Amino acid sequence: MSISGLLLQKLAQKQLEGLPPEQRDMFMRMLEKDPDLFVRIAQEVQEKTNSGMEQMAAAQAVFASHEVELHTLMQDSK
């Protein structure tokens, strides 16, 4: 795993503390399988927020654009 992937994993662990263990574990497995996808998602959200879009709207738009990849990754991580 790359350095950015490891950093992303550590940040995710902190942010996901409030989730039920099953959901947290599934997300962490997804992150381990394809950390580059989550780095790209974070970068795209940042670009959209930098251009003036609200963070929630930016995140929704980016996640929608990666819906197929995320769904496939989710199925592989169960």
Protein backbone atom coordinates (compact mmCIF):
# COMPACT_ATOMS: atom_id res chain seq x y z
CA MET A 1 0.00 0.00 0.00
CA SER A 2 1.29 3.45 -0.85
CA ILE A 3 2.04 6.12 1.71
CA SER A 4 -1.04 8.08 0.69
CA GLY A 5 -3.08 4.87 1.07
CA LEU A 6 -1.72 4.32 4.57
CA LEU A 7 -2.47 7.91 5.55
CA LEU A 8 -5.95 7.61 4.12
CA GLN A 9 -6.49 4.40 6.07
CA LYS A 10 -5.44 6.03 9.35
CA LEU A 11 -7.70 9.03 8.71
CA ALA A 12 -10.60 6.76 7.80
CA GLN A 13 -10.20 4.74 11.00
CA LYS A 14 -10.52 7.92 13.04
CA GLN A 15 -13.53 9.19 11.06
CA LEU A 16 -15.37 5.86 11.14
CA GLU A 17 -15.25 5.34 14.91
CA GLY A 18 -19.00 6.01 15.24
CA LEU A 19 -20.06 3.39 12.69
CA PRO A 20 -21.15 -0.11 13.66
CA PRO A 21 -18.22 -2.55 13.50
CA GLU A 22 -19.58 -4.43 10.46
CA GLN A 23 -19.85 -1.25 8.38
CA ARG A 24 -16.48 0.02 9.56
CA ASP A 25 -14.83 -3.31 8.70
CA MET A 26 -16.40 -3.41 5.24
CA PHE A 27 -15.27 0.14 4.50
CA MET A 28 -11.74 -0.63 5.67
CA ARG A 29 -11.63 -3.74 3.44
CA MET A 30 -12.78 -1.58 0.51
CA LEU A 31 -10.07 0.94 1.31
CA GLU A 32 -7.42 -1.79 1.49
CA LYS A 33 -8.50 -3.27 -1.86
CA ASP A 34 -8.43 0.03 -3.79
CA PRO A 35 -6.90 2.92 -1.85
CA ASP A 36 -6.21 4.81 -5.08
CA LEU A 37 -9.95 5.05 -5.77
CA PHE A 38 -10.49 6.78 -2.44
CA VAL A 39 -7.54 9.10 -3.02
CA ARG A 40 -9.05 10.06 -6.41
CA ILE A 41 -12.45 10.60 -4.79
CA ALA A 42 -10.94 12.83 -2.11
CA GLN A 43 -9.06 14.85 -4.74
CA GLU A 44 -12.17 15.28 -6.88
CA VAL A 45 -14.23 16.42 -3.88
CA GLN A 46 -11.47 18.88 -2.97
CA GLU A 47 -11.38 20.26 -6.53
CA LYS A 48 -15.15 20.79 -6.50
CA THR A 49 -15.13 22.49 -3.12
CA ASN A 50 -12.24 24.71 -4.22
CA SER A 51 -14.33 25.81 -7.20
CA GLY A 52 -17.11 26.93 -4.85
CA MET A 53 -19.35 23.89 -4.49
CA GLU A 54 -20.51 22.99 -0.97
CA GLN A 55 -18.73 19.98 0.48
CA MET A 56 -21.82 17.76 0.80
CA ALA A 57 -22.93 18.49 -2.77
CA ALA A 58 -19.41 17.90 -4.04
CA ALA A 59 -19.16 14.58 -2.21
CA GLN A 60 -22.54 13.44 -3.51
CA ALA A 61 -21.60 14.34 -7.09
CA VAL A 62 -18.24 12.59 -6.91
CA PHE A 63 -19.63 9.47 -5.25
CA ALA A 64 -22.38 9.34 -7.88
CA SER A 65 -19.77 9.51 -10.64
CA HIS A 66 -17.92 6.56 -9.06
CA GLU A 67 -21.06 4.58 -8.19
CA VAL A 68 -20.26 1.55 -10.36
CA GLU A 69 -16.70 1.26 -9.05
CA LEU A 70 -17.86 1.63 -5.44
CA HIS A 71 -20.66 -0.90 -5.87
CA THR A 72 -18.28 -3.46 -7.39
CA LEU A 73 -15.74 -2.86 -4.64
CA MET A 74 -18.46 -3.19 -2.00
CA GLN A 75 -19.60 -6.52 -3.41
CA ASP A 76 -16.00 -7.79 -3.48
CA SER A 77 -15.47 -6.70 0.13
CA LYS A 78 -18.38 -8.57 1.72
